[in-house]
Amino acid sequence: MKIAGIDWDEANWPKCGKHGVGQDEIEHALRHMTFRIADPDPSERRFRTACRLPSGRVVFVVFTHRDRAGKTFLRPISARFMHSKEIRHYEQIEKAMADPSDR
């Protein structure tokens, strides 16, 4: 899927920013994600991803797709930095994805 850009509005940025994650960090995570997992929330199709930032911190992002004029945009819904236990789990996923013999 080709992504045309990130869809920010007055509502989603403050919600994401309240957890201390910057817009540039969220955009980095969405542009460099290596996986996405469907969110079980039935009200709207959402996805989850995580990404290690250049700073070394790992950010968790919930997002949805928005189609406009035939192009797909990613709209962040929520973002936060991951806790150490979550990071260990993320690192296991990262390792499994890097090593095809684990599959």
N, C-alpha and C. Protein backbone atom coordinates (compact mmCIF):
# COMPACT_ATOMS: atom_id res chain seq x y z
N MET A 1 0.84 -1.18 0.00
CA MET A 1 0.00 0.00 0.00
C MET A 1 0.89 1.24 0.00
N LYS A 2 0.60 2.15 -0.88
CA LYS A 2 1.35 3.40 -0.95
C LYS A 2 0.67 4.44 -0.07
N ILE A 3 1.45 5.05 0.79
CA ILE A 3 0.93 6.06 1.72
C ILE A 3 1.25 7.45 1.18
N ALA A 4 0.21 8.28 1.06
CA ALA A 4 0.38 9.63 0.52
C ALA A 4 0.87 10.61 1.57
N GLY A 5 0.62 10.32 2.85
CA GLY A 5 1.05 11.25 3.89
C GLY A 5 0.39 10.95 5.22
N ILE A 6 0.63 11.85 6.17
CA ILE A 6 0.07 11.73 7.51
C ILE A 6 -1.06 12.75 7.63
N ASP A 7 -2.18 12.33 8.16
CA ASP A 7 -3.38 13.16 8.27
C ASP A 7 -3.51 13.70 9.70
N TRP A 8 -3.07 14.95 9.89
CA TRP A 8 -3.19 15.60 11.20
C TRP A 8 -4.39 16.54 11.18
N ASP A 9 -5.06 16.66 12.32
CA ASP A 9 -6.10 17.67 12.46
C ASP A 9 -6.05 18.23 13.87
N GLU A 10 -6.98 19.11 14.19
CA GLU A 10 -6.98 19.78 15.50
C GLU A 10 -7.22 18.80 16.65
N ALA A 11 -7.86 17.69 16.37
CA ALA A 11 -8.21 16.74 17.43
C ALA A 11 -7.12 15.70 17.69
N ASN A 12 -6.54 15.14 16.63
CA ASN A 12 -5.62 14.03 16.87
C ASN A 12 -4.25 14.47 17.35
N TRP A 13 -3.76 15.64 16.97
CA TRP A 13 -2.44 16.05 17.45
C TRP A 13 -2.41 16.27 18.96
N PRO A 14 -3.33 17.05 19.55
CA PRO A 14 -3.26 17.23 21.01
C PRO A 14 -3.37 15.91 21.78
N LYS A 15 -4.20 15.00 21.29
CA LYS A 15 -4.35 13.71 21.97
C LYS A 15 -3.04 12.93 21.93
N CYS A 16 -2.38 12.94 20.80
CA CYS A 16 -1.10 12.24 20.68
C CYS A 16 -0.01 12.96 21.48
N GLY A 17 0.01 14.27 21.41
CA GLY A 17 1.05 15.05 22.05
C GLY A 17 1.02 15.03 23.56
N LYS A 18 -0.12 14.73 24.16
CA LYS A 18 -0.21 14.78 25.63
C LYS A 18 0.65 13.72 26.31
N HIS A 19 1.10 12.72 25.56
CA HIS A 19 1.95 11.67 26.13
C HIS A 19 3.44 11.97 25.93
N GLY A 20 3.74 13.16 25.44
CA GLY A 20 5.14 13.57 25.30
C GLY A 20 5.83 13.13 24.03
N VAL A 21 5.07 12.58 23.10
CA VAL A 21 5.64 12.14 21.83
C VAL A 21 5.45 13.28 20.82
N GLY A 22 6.52 13.66 20.14
CA GLY A 22 6.45 14.75 19.17
C GLY A 22 5.86 14.31 17.84
N GLN A 23 5.34 15.29 17.10
CA GLN A 23 4.77 14.99 15.79
C GLN A 23 5.80 14.33 14.88
N ASP A 24 7.03 14.83 14.91
CA ASP A 24 8.07 14.26 14.07
C ASP A 24 8.38 12.81 14.46
N GLU A 25 8.29 12.49 15.75
CA GLU A 25 8.54 11.12 16.21
C GLU A 25 7.41 10.18 15.75
N ILE A 26 6.18 10.66 15.82
CA ILE A 26 5.04 9.86 15.36
C ILE A 26 5.14 9.62 13.85
N GLU A 27 5.46 10.68 13.12
CA GLU A 27 5.59 10.53 11.67
C GLU A 27 6.73 9.57 11.32
N HIS A 28 7.84 9.64 12.05
CA HIS A 28 8.95 8.71 11.81
C HIS A 28 8.47 7.27 12.01
N ALA A 29 7.75 7.03 13.10
CA ALA A 29 7.25 5.68 13.40
C ALA A 29 6.33 5.18 12.29
N LEU A 30 5.46 6.03 11.80
CA LEU A 30 4.52 5.61 10.75
C LEU A 30 5.21 5.40 9.41
N ARG A 31 6.23 6.18 9.14
CA ARG A 31 6.93 6.04 7.86
C ARG A 31 7.93 4.88 7.85
N HIS A 32 8.36 4.45 9.04
CA HIS A 32 9.37 3.39 9.14
C HIS A 32 8.86 2.13 9.81
N MET A 33 7.56 1.97 9.95
CA MET A 33 7.04 0.78 10.62
C MET A 33 7.37 -0.47 9.82
N THR A 34 7.67 -1.53 10.54
CA THR A 34 7.97 -2.81 9.89
C THR A 34 6.82 -3.79 10.05
N PHE A 35 5.85 -3.44 10.87
CA PHE A 35 4.68 -4.31 11.05
C PHE A 35 3.50 -3.46 11.48
N ARG A 36 2.33 -4.02 11.30
CA ARG A 36 1.11 -3.41 11.85
C ARG A 36 0.21 -4.55 12.27
N ILE A 37 -0.51 -4.33 13.35
CA ILE A 37 -1.42 -5.33 13.91
C ILE A 37 -2.80 -4.70 13.97
N ALA A 38 -3.80 -5.41 13.52
CA ALA A 38 -5.17 -4.89 13.58
C ALA A 38 -5.58 -4.72 15.03
N ASP A 39 -6.20 -3.59 15.33
CA ASP A 39 -6.72 -3.31 16.66
C ASP A 39 -8.08 -3.97 16.78
N PRO A 40 -8.36 -4.63 17.90
CA PRO A 40 -9.64 -5.34 18.03
C PRO A 40 -10.86 -4.44 18.22
N ASP A 41 -10.69 -3.13 18.29
CA ASP A 41 -11.81 -2.21 18.47
C ASP A 41 -12.75 -2.31 17.27
N PRO A 42 -14.01 -2.70 17.50
CA PRO A 42 -14.93 -2.90 16.38
C PRO A 42 -15.55 -1.63 15.81
N SER A 43 -15.41 -0.49 16.48
CA SER A 43 -16.10 0.71 16.03
C SER A 43 -15.45 1.35 14.80
N GLU A 44 -14.16 1.13 14.63
CA GLU A 44 -13.44 1.72 13.51
C GLU A 44 -12.23 0.83 13.23
N ARG A 45 -11.90 0.65 11.97
CA ARG A 45 -10.73 -0.17 11.65
C ARG A 45 -9.46 0.60 12.02
N ARG A 46 -8.74 0.07 12.99
CA ARG A 46 -7.52 0.70 13.48
C ARG A 46 -6.39 -0.31 13.47
N PHE A 47 -5.19 0.23 13.50
CA PHE A 47 -3.99 -0.60 13.52
C PHE A 47 -3.05 -0.11 14.61
N ARG A 48 -2.16 -1.01 15.02
CA ARG A 48 -1.14 -0.69 16.02
C ARG A 48 0.22 -0.98 15.41
N THR A 49 1.18 -0.17 15.78
CA THR A 49 2.56 -0.43 15.39
C THR A 49 3.48 0.12 16.46
N ALA A 50 4.73 -0.23 16.36
CA ALA A 50 5.76 0.30 17.25
C ALA A 50 7.01 0.48 16.42
N CYS A 51 7.85 1.42 16.84
CA CYS A 51 9.06 1.70 16.07
C CYS A 51 10.12 2.26 17.01
N ARG A 52 11.35 1.82 16.80
CA ARG A 52 12.47 2.39 17.54
C ARG A 52 12.89 3.67 16.82
N LEU A 53 12.92 4.75 17.56
CA LEU A 53 13.28 6.05 17.00
C LEU A 53 14.80 6.20 16.94
N PRO A 54 15.31 7.15 16.16
CA PRO A 54 16.76 7.38 16.13
C PRO A 54 17.33 7.68 17.52
N SER A 55 16.51 8.21 18.42
CA SER A 55 16.95 8.51 19.79
C SER A 55 17.12 7.24 20.62
N GLY A 56 16.59 6.11 20.13
CA GLY A 56 16.67 4.85 20.86
C GLY A 56 15.38 4.50 21.59
N ARG A 57 14.52 5.48 21.80
CA ARG A 57 13.24 5.21 22.46
C ARG A 57 12.31 4.48 21.49
N VAL A 58 11.37 3.73 22.08
CA VAL A 58 10.41 2.98 21.26
C VAL A 58 9.03 3.60 21.46
N VAL A 59 8.39 3.95 20.35
CA VAL A 59 7.07 4.58 20.40
C VAL A 59 6.02 3.60 19.88
N PHE A 60 4.87 3.61 20.55
CA PHE A 60 3.71 2.79 20.20
C PHE A 60 2.67 3.73 19.60
N VAL A 61 2.13 3.38 18.43
CA VAL A 61 1.18 4.26 17.74
C VAL A 61 -0.05 3.46 17.33
N VAL A 62 -1.22 4.03 17.59
CA VAL A 62 -2.48 3.51 17.07
C VAL A 62 -2.90 4.47 15.96
N PHE A 63 -3.29 3.92 14.81
CA PHE A 63 -3.63 4.77 13.68
C PHE A 63 -4.72 4.12 12.84
N THR A 64 -5.27 4.90 11.93
CA THR A 64 -6.26 4.40 10.98
C THR A 64 -5.90 4.92 9.60
N HIS A 65 -6.55 4.39 8.59
CA HIS A 65 -6.35 4.85 7.21
C HIS A 65 -7.47 5.81 6.85
N ARG A 66 -7.13 6.85 6.11
CA ARG A 66 -8.12 7.78 5.58
C ARG A 66 -7.87 7.89 4.08
N ASP A 67 -8.90 7.67 3.30
CA ASP A 67 -8.78 7.79 1.85
C ASP A 67 -9.37 9.13 1.41
N ARG A 68 -8.57 9.88 0.66
CA ARG A 68 -9.01 11.18 0.14
C ARG A 68 -8.52 11.29 -1.30
N ALA A 69 -9.44 11.55 -2.18
CA ALA A 69 -9.12 11.74 -3.61
C ALA A 69 -8.30 10.58 -4.15
N GLY A 70 -8.66 9.37 -3.74
CA GLY A 70 -7.98 8.18 -4.25
C GLY A 70 -6.61 7.91 -3.64
N LYS A 71 -6.24 8.67 -2.62
CA LYS A 71 -4.95 8.48 -1.96
C LYS A 71 -5.17 8.05 -0.51
N THR A 72 -4.24 7.27 0.02
CA THR A 72 -4.35 6.78 1.39
C THR A 72 -3.44 7.58 2.31
N PHE A 73 -4.02 8.09 3.38
CA PHE A 73 -3.29 8.82 4.42
C PHE A 73 -3.40 8.04 5.72
N LEU A 74 -2.39 8.15 6.57
CA LEU A 74 -2.43 7.54 7.89
C LEU A 74 -2.80 8.62 8.90
N ARG A 75 -3.81 8.34 9.72
CA ARG A 75 -4.22 9.29 10.75
C ARG A 75 -3.87 8.71 12.11
N PRO A 76 -2.91 9.33 12.82
CA PRO A 76 -2.59 8.88 14.18
C PRO A 76 -3.78 9.12 15.10
N ILE A 77 -4.06 8.16 15.95
CA ILE A 77 -5.13 8.28 16.93
C ILE A 77 -4.55 8.48 18.31
N SER A 78 -3.50 7.73 18.61
CA SER A 78 -2.86 7.81 19.92
C SER A 78 -1.41 7.39 19.77
N ALA A 79 -0.55 7.94 20.60
CA ALA A 79 0.86 7.56 20.59
C ALA A 79 1.45 7.77 21.98
N ARG A 80 2.36 6.88 22.34
CA ARG A 80 3.05 7.01 23.62
C ARG A 80 4.35 6.23 23.55
N PHE A 81 5.25 6.56 24.47
CA PHE A 81 6.48 5.79 24.56
C PHE A 81 6.19 4.50 25.31
N MET A 82 6.86 3.43 24.91
CA MET A 82 6.61 2.13 25.51
C MET A 82 7.39 1.99 26.83
N HIS A 83 6.84 1.18 27.74
CA HIS A 83 7.48 0.87 29.01
C HIS A 83 8.47 -0.27 28.81
N SER A 84 9.36 -0.49 29.77
CA SER A 84 10.43 -1.48 29.61
C SER A 84 9.91 -2.89 29.32
N LYS A 85 8.83 -3.31 29.96
CA LYS A 85 8.28 -4.65 29.70
C LYS A 85 7.78 -4.75 28.26
N GLU A 86 7.13 -3.70 27.79
CA GLU A 86 6.63 -3.68 26.41
C GLU A 86 7.79 -3.67 25.42
N ILE A 87 8.85 -2.95 25.77
CA ILE A 87 10.02 -2.89 24.89
C ILE A 87 10.65 -4.26 24.75
N ARG A 88 10.74 -5.02 25.83
CA ARG A 88 11.29 -6.38 25.75
C ARG A 88 10.45 -7.23 24.79
N HIS A 89 9.14 -7.11 24.89
CA HIS A 89 8.25 -7.85 23.98
C HIS A 89 8.47 -7.39 22.53
N TYR A 90 8.57 -6.08 22.33
CA TYR A 90 8.82 -5.53 21.00
C TYR A 90 10.14 -6.06 20.44
N GLU A 91 11.17 -6.14 21.27
CA GLU A 91 12.47 -6.63 20.82
C GLU A 91 12.40 -8.10 20.41
N GLN A 92 11.55 -8.87 21.08
CA GLN A 92 11.36 -10.28 20.69
C GLN A 92 10.72 -10.35 19.30
N ILE A 93 9.74 -9.49 19.06
CA ILE A 93 9.08 -9.45 17.75
C ILE A 93 10.10 -9.03 16.69
N GLU A 94 10.89 -8.00 17.00
CA GLU A 94 11.91 -7.51 16.07
C GLU A 94 12.88 -8.63 15.70
N LYS A 95 13.32 -9.37 16.71
CA LYS A 95 14.27 -10.47 16.50
C LYS A 95 13.63 -11.56 15.63
N ALA A 96 12.40 -11.92 15.93
CA ALA A 96 11.72 -12.96 15.16
C ALA A 96 11.54 -12.54 13.70
N MET A 97 11.26 -11.27 13.48
CA MET A 97 11.08 -10.78 12.11
C MET A 97 12.40 -10.77 11.35
N ALA A 98 13.50 -10.57 12.07
CA ALA A 98 14.82 -10.52 11.43
C ALA A 98 15.37 -11.91 11.14
N ASP A 99 14.89 -12.91 11.90
CA ASP A 99 15.41 -14.28 11.77
C ASP A 99 14.32 -15.19 11.21
N PRO A 100 14.31 -15.42 9.89
CA PRO A 100 13.24 -16.23 9.30
C PRO A 100 13.24 -17.68 9.78
N SER A 101 14.31 -18.16 10.38
CA SER A 101 14.33 -19.54 10.88
C SER A 101 13.43 -19.72 12.10
N ASP A 102 13.04 -18.62 12.73
CA ASP A 102 12.14 -18.68 13.89
C ASP A 102 10.69 -18.88 13.48
N ARG A 103 10.38 -18.79 12.22
CA ARG A 103 8.98 -18.85 11.76
C ARG A 103 8.56 -20.26 11.46
